[in-house]
């Protein structure tokens, strides 16, 4: 098992603030906002020891960049590993909106 230092990029930090602000201030659900942020932060902490157990996203352009994603509540945490330096860079936290295709 590898251990990694987790680094949250400024973009991902901004995503966390936007998620918190939207849920707490727009939806007027501060308790839900706290619950979501806590869950996301717990999942981010787990990347210290489990980041390399998740395969890269199979779609391009993420696959060639070795971007991985971890679910947390209604969001995906996107991250990239630097194996040589044992860093995990959390690069974005995005709402996992279900896309319905109609035929």
N, C-alpha and C. Protein backbone atom coordinates (compact mmCIF):
# COMPACT_ATOMS: atom_id res chain seq x y z
N UNK A 1 0.85 -1.18 0.00
CA UNK A 1 0.00 0.00 0.00
C UNK A 1 0.89 1.24 0.00
N UNK A 2 0.58 2.17 -0.90
CA UNK A 2 1.31 3.43 -0.97
C UNK A 2 0.60 4.49 -0.14
N UNK A 3 1.39 5.40 0.41
CA UNK A 3 0.83 6.54 1.13
C UNK A 3 1.18 7.81 0.38
N UNK A 4 0.24 8.74 0.33
CA UNK A 4 0.38 9.95 -0.46
C UNK A 4 0.11 11.19 0.39
N UNK A 5 0.75 12.26 0.02
CA UNK A 5 0.42 13.57 0.58
C UNK A 5 -0.65 14.17 -0.32
N UNK A 6 -1.77 14.55 0.25
CA UNK A 6 -2.89 15.09 -0.52
C UNK A 6 -2.79 16.61 -0.57
N UNK A 7 -2.85 17.13 -1.78
CA UNK A 7 -2.79 18.57 -2.01
C UNK A 7 -4.07 18.98 -2.72
N UNK A 8 -4.80 19.89 -2.10
CA UNK A 8 -6.03 20.40 -2.70
C UNK A 8 -5.68 21.66 -3.48
N UNK A 9 -5.91 21.63 -4.77
CA UNK A 9 -5.59 22.78 -5.61
C UNK A 9 -6.52 23.95 -5.29
N UNK A 10 -6.11 25.17 -5.63
CA UNK A 10 -7.00 26.32 -5.42
C UNK A 10 -8.34 26.16 -6.14
N UNK A 11 -8.35 25.52 -7.30
CA UNK A 11 -9.59 25.31 -8.03
C UNK A 11 -10.54 24.39 -7.25
N UNK A 12 -9.99 23.32 -6.68
CA UNK A 12 -10.81 22.40 -5.90
C UNK A 12 -11.29 23.07 -4.61
N UNK A 13 -10.44 23.86 -4.00
CA UNK A 13 -10.83 24.62 -2.80
C UNK A 13 -11.99 25.55 -3.14
N UNK A 14 -11.91 26.19 -4.29
CA UNK A 14 -13.00 27.06 -4.74
C UNK A 14 -14.28 26.26 -4.97
N UNK A 15 -14.14 25.07 -5.54
CA UNK A 15 -15.31 24.20 -5.73
C UNK A 15 -15.99 23.90 -4.40
N UNK A 16 -15.20 23.60 -3.37
CA UNK A 16 -15.77 23.33 -2.04
C UNK A 16 -16.56 24.52 -1.51
N UNK A 17 -16.00 25.72 -1.68
CA UNK A 17 -16.70 26.93 -1.22
C UNK A 17 -17.99 27.14 -2.00
N UNK A 18 -17.94 26.91 -3.30
CA UNK A 18 -19.14 27.08 -4.12
C UNK A 18 -20.23 26.07 -3.74
N UNK A 19 -19.84 24.84 -3.47
CA UNK A 19 -20.79 23.82 -3.04
C UNK A 19 -21.42 24.24 -1.72
N UNK A 20 -20.58 24.61 -0.77
CA UNK A 20 -21.06 25.02 0.54
C UNK A 20 -22.00 26.22 0.43
N UNK A 21 -21.57 27.23 -0.31
CA UNK A 21 -22.38 28.45 -0.43
C UNK A 21 -23.71 28.18 -1.13
N UNK A 22 -23.69 27.38 -2.17
CA UNK A 22 -24.92 27.10 -2.90
C UNK A 22 -25.93 26.38 -2.00
N UNK A 23 -25.47 25.33 -1.34
CA UNK A 23 -26.39 24.54 -0.52
C UNK A 23 -26.85 25.34 0.70
N UNK A 24 -25.93 26.04 1.36
CA UNK A 24 -26.28 26.77 2.57
C UNK A 24 -27.03 28.06 2.29
N UNK A 25 -26.58 28.82 1.30
CA UNK A 25 -27.12 30.16 1.10
C UNK A 25 -28.23 30.24 0.05
N UNK A 26 -28.15 29.44 -1.00
CA UNK A 26 -29.16 29.47 -2.05
C UNK A 26 -30.30 28.50 -1.72
N UNK A 27 -29.94 27.26 -1.38
CA UNK A 27 -30.96 26.27 -1.04
C UNK A 27 -31.43 26.41 0.42
N UNK A 28 -30.73 27.23 1.17
CA UNK A 28 -31.06 27.49 2.58
C UNK A 28 -31.06 26.21 3.42
N UNK A 29 -30.02 25.41 3.21
CA UNK A 29 -29.86 24.14 3.93
C UNK A 29 -28.46 24.07 4.54
N UNK A 30 -28.17 24.88 5.56
CA UNK A 30 -26.80 24.89 6.12
C UNK A 30 -26.37 23.56 6.72
N UNK A 31 -27.29 22.82 7.33
CA UNK A 31 -26.93 21.52 7.90
C UNK A 31 -26.56 20.52 6.81
N UNK A 32 -27.29 20.56 5.72
CA UNK A 32 -26.99 19.70 4.58
C UNK A 32 -25.64 20.10 3.97
N UNK A 33 -25.39 21.38 3.87
CA UNK A 33 -24.10 21.86 3.34
C UNK A 33 -22.96 21.32 4.19
N UNK A 34 -23.09 21.41 5.50
CA UNK A 34 -22.05 20.92 6.40
C UNK A 34 -21.85 19.42 6.23
N UNK A 35 -22.95 18.68 6.10
CA UNK A 35 -22.88 17.23 5.91
C UNK A 35 -22.16 16.88 4.61
N UNK A 36 -22.49 17.58 3.53
CA UNK A 36 -21.84 17.32 2.24
C UNK A 36 -20.35 17.64 2.29
N UNK A 37 -20.02 18.79 2.84
CA UNK A 37 -18.60 19.19 2.91
C UNK A 37 -17.82 18.24 3.80
N UNK A 38 -18.40 17.83 4.91
CA UNK A 38 -17.74 16.86 5.78
C UNK A 38 -17.49 15.54 5.05
N UNK A 39 -18.47 15.07 4.30
CA UNK A 39 -18.32 13.82 3.56
C UNK A 39 -17.23 13.95 2.49
N UNK A 40 -17.25 15.05 1.76
CA UNK A 40 -16.23 15.27 0.74
C UNK A 40 -14.84 15.31 1.37
N UNK A 41 -14.70 16.02 2.48
CA UNK A 41 -13.40 16.11 3.16
C UNK A 41 -12.94 14.75 3.69
N UNK A 42 -13.87 13.94 4.19
CA UNK A 42 -13.50 12.60 4.65
C UNK A 42 -12.98 11.75 3.50
N UNK A 43 -13.64 11.85 2.36
CA UNK A 43 -13.20 11.08 1.18
C UNK A 43 -11.82 11.57 0.71
N UNK A 44 -11.62 12.88 0.74
CA UNK A 44 -10.32 13.43 0.34
C UNK A 44 -9.22 12.91 1.27
N UNK A 45 -9.49 12.86 2.56
CA UNK A 45 -8.50 12.34 3.51
C UNK A 45 -8.15 10.88 3.21
N UNK A 46 -9.13 10.09 2.77
CA UNK A 46 -8.88 8.68 2.46
C UNK A 46 -7.94 8.50 1.27
N UNK A 47 -7.82 9.54 0.45
CA UNK A 47 -6.90 9.44 -0.69
C UNK A 47 -5.46 9.26 -0.25
N UNK A 48 -5.15 9.61 1.00
CA UNK A 48 -3.78 9.42 1.52
C UNK A 48 -3.32 7.97 1.37
N UNK A 49 -4.24 7.04 1.53
CA UNK A 49 -3.85 5.63 1.50
C UNK A 49 -4.56 4.79 0.44
N UNK A 50 -5.53 5.38 -0.26
CA UNK A 50 -6.25 4.55 -1.24
C UNK A 50 -6.32 5.17 -2.63
N UNK A 51 -5.60 6.24 -2.87
CA UNK A 51 -5.69 6.95 -4.15
C UNK A 51 -5.37 6.07 -5.35
N UNK A 52 -4.39 5.19 -5.19
CA UNK A 52 -3.97 4.38 -6.33
C UNK A 52 -4.80 3.11 -6.51
N UNK A 53 -5.82 2.91 -5.68
CA UNK A 53 -6.68 1.74 -5.83
C UNK A 53 -7.81 1.96 -6.83
N UNK A 54 -7.98 3.20 -7.27
CA UNK A 54 -9.03 3.55 -8.22
C UNK A 54 -8.40 3.74 -9.59
N UNK A 55 -8.97 3.12 -10.58
CA UNK A 55 -8.44 3.21 -11.95
C UNK A 55 -8.73 4.59 -12.53
N UNK A 56 -7.90 5.04 -13.48
CA UNK A 56 -8.19 6.30 -14.17
C UNK A 56 -9.54 6.24 -14.88
N UNK A 57 -10.15 7.39 -15.04
CA UNK A 57 -11.41 7.50 -15.77
C UNK A 57 -11.16 6.96 -17.19
N UNK A 58 -12.00 6.05 -17.68
CA UNK A 58 -11.71 5.40 -18.96
C UNK A 58 -11.92 6.28 -20.19
N UNK A 59 -12.57 7.42 -20.04
CA UNK A 59 -12.84 8.28 -21.18
C UNK A 59 -11.73 9.32 -21.38
N UNK A 60 -11.56 9.70 -22.64
CA UNK A 60 -10.62 10.78 -22.95
C UNK A 60 -11.34 12.12 -22.77
N UNK A 61 -10.63 13.14 -22.40
CA UNK A 61 -9.18 13.26 -22.28
C UNK A 61 -8.63 12.85 -20.92
N UNK A 62 -9.50 12.39 -20.01
CA UNK A 62 -9.05 12.09 -18.65
C UNK A 62 -8.11 10.90 -18.59
N UNK A 63 -8.38 9.87 -19.38
CA UNK A 63 -7.57 8.66 -19.31
C UNK A 63 -6.10 8.94 -19.61
N UNK A 64 -5.83 9.66 -20.67
CA UNK A 64 -4.43 9.93 -21.04
C UNK A 64 -3.73 10.82 -20.02
N UNK A 65 -4.50 11.56 -19.25
CA UNK A 65 -3.94 12.43 -18.19
C UNK A 65 -3.93 11.72 -16.83
N UNK A 66 -4.41 10.49 -16.82
CA UNK A 66 -4.46 9.65 -15.62
C UNK A 66 -5.28 10.30 -14.50
N UNK A 67 -6.38 10.92 -14.90
CA UNK A 67 -7.29 11.53 -13.94
C UNK A 67 -8.19 10.43 -13.37
N UNK A 68 -8.40 10.46 -12.08
CA UNK A 68 -9.26 9.49 -11.40
C UNK A 68 -10.39 10.24 -10.72
N UNK A 69 -11.46 9.53 -10.38
CA UNK A 69 -12.56 10.19 -9.68
C UNK A 69 -13.09 9.29 -8.58
N UNK A 70 -13.47 9.94 -7.50
CA UNK A 70 -13.99 9.27 -6.33
C UNK A 70 -15.34 9.89 -5.98
N UNK A 71 -16.39 9.06 -5.82
CA UNK A 71 -17.69 9.63 -5.48
C UNK A 71 -17.75 10.07 -4.02
N UNK A 72 -18.48 11.16 -3.79
CA UNK A 72 -18.73 11.67 -2.44
C UNK A 72 -20.09 12.36 -2.48
N UNK A 73 -21.07 11.76 -1.83
CA UNK A 73 -22.45 12.26 -1.87
C UNK A 73 -22.87 12.42 -3.33
N UNK A 74 -23.27 13.60 -3.73
CA UNK A 74 -23.75 13.86 -5.09
C UNK A 74 -22.65 14.45 -5.99
N UNK A 75 -21.39 14.22 -5.64
CA UNK A 75 -20.27 14.83 -6.34
C UNK A 75 -19.21 13.80 -6.68
N UNK A 76 -18.35 14.17 -7.61
CA UNK A 76 -17.14 13.40 -7.89
C UNK A 76 -15.94 14.27 -7.53
N UNK A 77 -14.99 13.64 -6.85
CA UNK A 77 -13.71 14.28 -6.55
C UNK A 77 -12.75 13.81 -7.63
N UNK A 78 -12.28 14.72 -8.44
CA UNK A 78 -11.32 14.39 -9.50
C UNK A 78 -9.92 14.66 -8.98
N UNK A 79 -9.03 13.70 -9.22
CA UNK A 79 -7.66 13.85 -8.72
C UNK A 79 -6.66 13.18 -9.64
N UNK A 80 -5.42 13.55 -9.41
CA UNK A 80 -4.31 13.03 -10.21
C UNK A 80 -3.18 12.67 -9.25
N UNK A 81 -2.50 11.59 -9.55
CA UNK A 81 -1.41 11.10 -8.69
C UNK A 81 -0.06 11.39 -9.32
N UNK A 82 0.87 11.88 -8.52
CA UNK A 82 2.27 11.95 -8.91
C UNK A 82 2.97 10.83 -8.15
N UNK A 83 3.15 9.69 -8.81
CA UNK A 83 3.71 8.49 -8.16
C UNK A 83 5.13 8.71 -7.66
N UNK A 84 5.93 9.46 -8.41
CA UNK A 84 7.33 9.66 -8.03
C UNK A 84 7.48 10.42 -6.72
N UNK A 85 6.62 11.40 -6.51
CA UNK A 85 6.72 12.23 -5.31
C UNK A 85 5.70 11.84 -4.25
N UNK A 86 4.85 10.89 -4.56
CA UNK A 86 3.80 10.42 -3.64
C UNK A 86 2.85 11.56 -3.26
N UNK A 87 2.42 12.30 -4.28
CA UNK A 87 1.44 13.36 -4.10
C UNK A 87 0.14 12.96 -4.78
N UNK A 88 -0.96 13.40 -4.20
CA UNK A 88 -2.26 13.34 -4.84
C UNK A 88 -2.74 14.78 -4.95
N UNK A 89 -3.07 15.19 -6.15
CA UNK A 89 -3.59 16.54 -6.38
C UNK A 89 -5.09 16.44 -6.62
N UNK A 90 -5.88 16.99 -5.69
CA UNK A 90 -7.32 17.08 -5.89
C UNK A 90 -7.52 18.28 -6.80
N UNK A 91 -8.04 18.04 -8.01
CA UNK A 91 -8.09 19.11 -9.00
C UNK A 91 -9.47 19.71 -9.19
N UNK A 92 -10.53 18.96 -8.83
CA UNK A 92 -11.87 19.51 -9.01
C UNK A 92 -12.88 18.66 -8.25
N UNK A 93 -13.97 19.29 -7.86
CA UNK A 93 -15.09 18.59 -7.23
C UNK A 93 -16.33 19.03 -8.00
N UNK A 94 -16.95 18.07 -8.69
CA UNK A 94 -18.01 18.39 -9.63
C UNK A 94 -19.27 17.60 -9.30
N UNK A 95 -20.39 18.27 -9.42
CA UNK A 95 -21.71 17.66 -9.20
C UNK A 95 -21.92 16.56 -10.23
N UNK A 96 -22.32 15.39 -9.76
CA UNK A 96 -22.54 14.28 -10.69
C UNK A 96 -23.99 14.23 -11.13
N UNK A 97 -24.28 15.09 -12.05
CA UNK A 97 -25.63 15.20 -12.60
C UNK A 97 -25.91 13.99 -13.48
N UNK A 98 -27.06 13.41 -13.27
CA UNK A 98 -27.45 12.27 -14.09
C UNK A 98 -27.92 12.78 -15.44
N UNK A 99 -27.35 12.22 -16.48
CA UNK A 99 -27.72 12.60 -17.84
C UNK A 99 -28.62 11.52 -18.40
N UNK A 100 -29.80 11.92 -18.81
CA UNK A 100 -30.75 10.97 -19.38
C UNK A 100 -30.73 11.11 -20.89
N UNK A 101 -30.61 9.98 -21.55
CA UNK A 101 -30.63 9.97 -23.00
C UNK A 101 -31.94 9.36 -23.46
N UNK A 102 -32.62 10.06 -24.34
CA UNK A 102 -33.88 9.54 -24.86
C UNK A 102 -33.69 9.18 -26.32
N UNK A 103 -34.24 8.04 -26.69
CA UNK A 103 -34.16 7.61 -28.07
C UNK A 103 -35.53 7.57 -28.67
